[in-house]
Amino acid sequence: MHDHQGVELRHLRYFVAVAEEGTMTEAARVLRIAQPSLSQQISALERRVGAKLFHRRPKGMELTEGGRILYASASRTLAEIESSLVQARDARCPVHIGVCGTVPEHLLARVERILAEDGSLDVEFAEADSGQQLDLLRTGTLAFGVMRVLHDIDDLATLALADEPLGVLLRPDHPLADQAALSWADLAGQELLWFPTERNPHFTEGVLAHLAGHGWSPRLRTADAHSRALYRHHLRNS
């Protein structure tokens, strides 16, 4: 009974080198190992296979019939392994990133630049409301999420990409549009066009709390839109 399980990849690599170079001396030079050590490894392989793989001739090593059969398979196997190693080295890992509808394009470009530094990542953006992103992040469906937040989220790590001031938009014909600056008192009683709270409950809670802290608790008019253009459309027609 022969110990085929004892055949290792290095044995096959040594065997193929001897078969292709024709002599132990030349194969040892190519493999950069000592010739006696190579000869011992080939003999060990023959014992494990249970058959002679070479005829030792005065002019070099000649494959036996069994050696030719093994060489055809071993050379193909080593080539496939080398190809797979190259593909594995060059393989790029997809990174799924959630993006809420109001994130500006320059922030997406910044995210791509940050992740591109790794060199092995392919960024794939997927549009998702902030509330959806939180669920997808917790389940591992998303690797990262790009959303608007006002404070840290307890069970998730956060990184600020940009710090944007809050402001209000008015129709050109609104009575307050001509004022150079608005006070909180000016905003009292004004209706606020807003997005569905479930899209980003943390952000909504933080913004409304901030407004209330300055004395403005506006009545909300919800617009189920996913782009700034649609919000401007709703604002102009409200």
Protein backbone atom coordinates (compact mmCIF):
# COMPACT_ATOMS: atom_id res chain seq x y z
CA MET A 1 0.00 0.00 0.00
CA HIS A 2 1.45 3.34 -1.05
CA ASP A 3 1.16 6.66 0.79
CA HIS A 4 -0.34 8.79 -1.99
CA GLN A 5 -1.50 11.32 0.60
CA GLY A 6 2.14 12.01 1.35
CA VAL A 7 2.65 13.53 -2.10
CA GLU A 8 3.05 17.27 -1.68
CA LEU A 9 2.93 20.15 -4.14
CA ARG A 10 6.68 20.65 -3.87
CA HIS A 11 7.26 17.02 -4.91
CA LEU A 12 5.27 17.64 -8.09
CA ARG A 13 7.12 20.90 -8.74
CA TYR A 14 10.48 19.13 -8.35
CA PHE A 15 9.34 16.24 -10.56
CA VAL A 16 8.17 18.56 -13.35
CA ALA A 17 11.43 20.52 -13.21
CA VAL A 18 13.51 17.35 -13.61
CA ALA A 19 11.28 16.13 -16.45
CA GLU A 20 11.60 19.44 -18.30
CA GLU A 21 15.30 20.12 -17.65
CA GLY A 22 16.40 16.54 -18.31
CA THR A 23 19.07 16.31 -15.59
CA MET A 24 19.15 16.54 -11.82
CA THR A 25 21.94 19.08 -11.99
CA GLU A 26 20.10 21.51 -14.26
CA ALA A 27 16.79 21.07 -12.42
CA ALA A 28 18.52 21.73 -9.09
CA ARG A 29 20.00 24.92 -10.55
CA VAL A 30 16.59 26.12 -11.76
CA LEU A 31 14.94 25.24 -8.46
CA ARG A 32 17.86 26.72 -6.48
CA ILE A 33 18.25 23.69 -4.24
CA ALA A 34 21.13 21.28 -3.73
CA GLN A 35 21.31 18.43 -6.26
CA PRO A 36 21.54 15.65 -3.58
CA SER A 37 18.45 17.06 -1.86
CA LEU A 38 16.54 17.09 -5.16
CA SER A 39 17.56 13.52 -5.89
CA GLN A 40 16.27 12.45 -2.46
CA GLN A 41 12.96 14.22 -3.05
CA ILE A 42 12.44 12.49 -6.42
CA SER A 43 13.22 9.11 -4.83
CA ALA A 44 10.75 9.87 -2.03
CA LEU A 45 8.08 10.74 -4.62
CA GLU A 46 8.67 7.46 -6.44
CA ARG A 47 8.26 5.55 -3.19
CA ARG A 48 4.98 7.33 -2.45
CA VAL A 49 3.68 6.76 -5.97
CA GLY A 50 4.86 3.15 -5.92
CA ALA A 51 6.47 3.26 -9.36
CA LYS A 52 9.63 4.42 -11.06
CA LEU A 53 9.11 7.80 -12.73
CA PHE A 54 12.50 8.13 -14.43
CA HIS A 55 15.05 5.96 -16.17
CA ARG A 56 18.45 7.12 -14.92
CA ARG A 57 20.50 7.32 -18.16
CA PRO A 58 24.14 8.39 -18.56
CA LYS A 59 22.99 11.52 -20.38
CA GLY A 60 20.20 12.39 -17.95
CA MET A 61 16.73 11.55 -16.74
CA GLU A 62 14.17 9.93 -19.06
CA LEU A 63 10.53 9.60 -18.09
CA THR A 64 9.09 6.12 -17.73
CA GLU A 65 5.59 5.38 -19.01
CA GLY A 66 4.25 6.08 -15.51
CA GLY A 67 6.34 9.24 -15.38
CA ARG A 68 4.83 10.51 -18.64
CA ILE A 69 1.33 9.94 -17.28
CA LEU A 70 2.16 11.81 -14.07
CA TYR A 71 3.95 14.61 -15.94
CA ALA A 72 0.93 15.34 -18.14
CA SER A 73 -1.28 15.73 -15.08
CA ALA A 74 1.26 17.41 -12.78
CA SER A 75 2.32 20.07 -15.30
CA ARG A 76 -1.32 20.93 -16.01
CA THR A 77 -2.12 21.04 -12.28
CA LEU A 78 0.80 23.34 -11.49
CA ALA A 79 -0.16 25.69 -14.33
CA GLU A 80 -3.76 25.83 -13.08
CA ILE A 81 -2.61 26.50 -9.53
CA GLU A 82 -0.31 29.30 -10.69
CA SER A 83 -3.15 30.84 -12.71
CA SER A 84 -5.49 30.62 -9.72
CA LEU A 85 -2.91 32.24 -7.46
CA VAL A 86 -2.56 35.16 -9.87
CA GLN A 87 -6.34 35.55 -10.10
CA ALA A 88 -6.68 35.37 -6.32
CA ARG A 89 -3.99 38.03 -5.91
CA ASP A 90 -5.66 40.34 -8.40
CA ALA A 91 -9.24 39.68 -7.30
CA ARG A 92 -11.10 42.77 -6.12
CA CYS A 93 -13.59 42.67 -3.30
CA PRO A 94 -16.97 44.39 -3.84
CA VAL A 95 -17.90 46.85 -1.09
CA HIS A 96 -21.60 47.70 -0.88
CA ILE A 97 -22.30 51.24 0.34
CA GLY A 98 -25.73 52.66 1.03
CA VAL A 99 -26.45 56.21 -0.07
CA CYS A 100 -29.44 58.34 0.87
CA GLY A 101 -31.02 60.42 -1.89
CA THR A 102 -29.78 63.84 -0.78
CA VAL A 103 -26.07 63.07 -0.49
CA PRO A 104 -24.09 65.37 -2.83
CA GLU A 105 -21.98 63.82 -5.57
CA HIS A 106 -18.69 65.23 -4.26
CA LEU A 107 -19.10 63.17 -1.07
CA LEU A 108 -19.53 59.98 -3.09
CA ALA A 109 -16.33 60.81 -4.96
CA ARG A 110 -14.56 61.28 -1.63
CA VAL A 111 -15.79 57.90 -0.39
CA GLU A 112 -14.44 56.28 -3.57
CA ARG A 113 -11.05 57.97 -3.11
CA ILE A 114 -10.80 56.79 0.51
CA LEU A 115 -11.60 53.17 -0.34
CA ALA A 116 -9.46 53.19 -3.49
CA GLU A 117 -6.36 53.57 -1.31
CA ASP A 118 -6.71 49.86 -0.41
CA GLY A 119 -6.30 48.92 -4.07
CA SER A 120 -8.40 45.74 -3.89
CA LEU A 121 -11.90 47.12 -3.36
CA ASP A 122 -14.66 47.78 -5.88
CA VAL A 123 -17.17 50.32 -4.58
CA GLU A 124 -20.82 49.61 -5.35
CA PHE A 125 -23.31 52.29 -4.31
CA ALA A 126 -26.92 51.38 -3.56
CA GLU A 127 -29.60 53.99 -2.91
CA ALA A 128 -31.32 53.42 0.42
CA ASP A 129 -33.04 55.65 2.96
CA SER A 130 -31.05 56.28 6.12
CA GLY A 131 -33.46 54.18 8.16
CA GLN A 132 -33.06 51.28 5.74
CA GLN A 133 -29.29 51.68 5.80
CA LEU A 134 -29.17 51.25 9.56
CA ASP A 135 -30.97 47.90 9.30
CA LEU A 136 -28.77 46.78 6.39
CA LEU A 137 -25.60 47.80 8.23
CA ARG A 138 -26.60 45.83 11.30
CA THR A 139 -27.23 42.69 9.24
CA GLY A 140 -23.98 43.07 7.29
CA THR A 141 -25.72 43.56 3.92
CA LEU A 142 -24.01 46.96 3.64
CA ALA A 143 -20.38 47.55 4.53
CA PHE A 144 -20.86 51.32 4.90
CA GLY A 145 -23.67 53.82 4.78
CA VAL A 146 -23.57 57.46 3.69
CA MET A 147 -26.32 59.42 5.40
CA ARG A 148 -27.08 62.58 7.33
CA VAL A 149 -26.74 62.26 11.10
CA LEU A 150 -26.68 64.79 13.93
CA HIS A 151 -25.25 62.51 16.62
CA ASP A 152 -23.50 59.15 17.03
CA ILE A 153 -25.52 55.96 16.69
CA ASP A 154 -24.90 53.75 19.70
CA ASP A 155 -24.20 50.39 18.02
CA LEU A 156 -22.48 51.68 14.87
CA ALA A 157 -19.18 53.46 14.30
CA THR A 158 -19.53 56.83 12.57
CA LEU A 159 -17.11 59.00 10.62
CA ALA A 160 -17.89 62.59 9.58
CA LEU A 161 -17.26 63.16 5.86
CA ALA A 162 -18.54 66.73 5.86
CA ASP A 163 -20.09 69.23 8.25
CA GLU A 164 -22.87 71.13 6.51
CA PRO A 165 -24.84 74.02 8.06
CA LEU A 166 -28.61 73.77 8.25
CA GLY A 167 -30.68 76.38 6.46
CA VAL A 168 -34.13 77.02 5.05
CA LEU A 169 -35.28 77.34 1.45
CA LEU A 170 -38.04 79.74 0.44
CA ARG A 171 -40.01 80.31 -2.72
CA PRO A 172 -38.90 83.49 -4.53
CA ASP A 173 -42.35 85.00 -3.95
CA HIS A 174 -42.46 84.14 -0.23
CA PRO A 175 -42.96 87.21 2.03
CA LEU A 176 -39.69 86.45 3.85
CA ALA A 177 -37.60 85.90 0.70
CA ASP A 178 -36.49 89.53 0.41
CA GLN A 179 -34.99 89.68 3.91
CA ALA A 180 -31.21 89.54 4.10
CA ALA A 181 -31.33 87.48 7.29
CA LEU A 182 -34.04 85.61 9.17
CA SER A 183 -34.53 85.33 12.90
CA TRP A 184 -36.17 82.46 14.74
CA ALA A 185 -39.08 84.77 15.43
CA ASP A 186 -39.55 85.28 11.68
CA LEU A 187 -39.96 81.53 11.25
CA ALA A 188 -42.60 81.16 13.95
CA GLY A 189 -45.82 79.84 12.46
CA GLN A 190 -44.18 78.92 9.14
CA GLU A 191 -44.89 75.47 7.70
CA LEU A 192 -41.90 73.21 6.99
CA LEU A 193 -41.71 71.00 3.90
CA TRP A 194 -40.18 67.74 5.14
CA PHE A 195 -39.46 64.17 4.12
CA PRO A 196 -41.13 61.04 5.58
CA THR A 197 -39.76 60.62 9.09
CA GLU A 198 -39.14 56.87 8.71
CA ARG A 199 -36.43 57.55 6.14
CA ASN A 200 -34.13 59.02 8.76
CA PRO A 201 -35.75 59.05 12.20
CA HIS A 202 -32.51 59.99 14.00
CA PHE A 203 -31.94 63.01 11.79
CA THR A 204 -35.58 64.10 12.00
CA GLU A 205 -35.56 63.84 15.78
CA GLY A 206 -32.35 65.85 16.03
CA VAL A 207 -33.41 68.61 13.64
CA LEU A 208 -36.87 69.10 15.16
CA ALA A 209 -35.39 69.12 18.66
CA HIS A 210 -32.91 71.78 17.53
CA LEU A 211 -35.69 73.90 16.04
CA ALA A 212 -37.86 73.52 19.12
CA GLY A 213 -34.91 74.59 21.25
CA HIS A 214 -34.97 77.91 19.40
CA GLY A 215 -38.71 78.33 19.70
CA TRP A 216 -39.85 77.00 16.33
CA SER A 217 -42.04 73.90 16.30
CA PRO A 218 -43.29 73.98 12.72
CA ARG A 219 -46.20 72.08 11.28
CA LEU A 220 -44.71 69.58 8.84
CA ARG A 221 -45.87 69.06 5.28
CA THR A 222 -44.48 65.72 4.16
CA ALA A 223 -43.28 65.32 0.57
CA ASP A 224 -42.58 61.75 -0.52
CA ALA A 225 -39.75 62.67 -2.89
CA HIS A 226 -36.25 61.24 -3.36
CA SER A 227 -34.38 64.10 -5.02
CA ARG A 228 -33.67 67.77 -4.42
CA ALA A 229 -35.32 68.64 -7.73
CA LEU A 230 -38.61 67.13 -6.59
CA TYR A 231 -38.40 68.92 -3.24
CA ARG A 232 -37.86 72.21 -5.06
CA HIS A 233 -40.85 71.37 -7.24
CA HIS A 234 -43.01 70.72 -4.16
CA LEU A 235 -41.74 73.93 -2.56
CA ARG A 236 -42.56 76.06 -5.59
CA ASN A 237 -46.05 74.59 -5.80
CA SER A 238 -46.92 74.50 -2.09
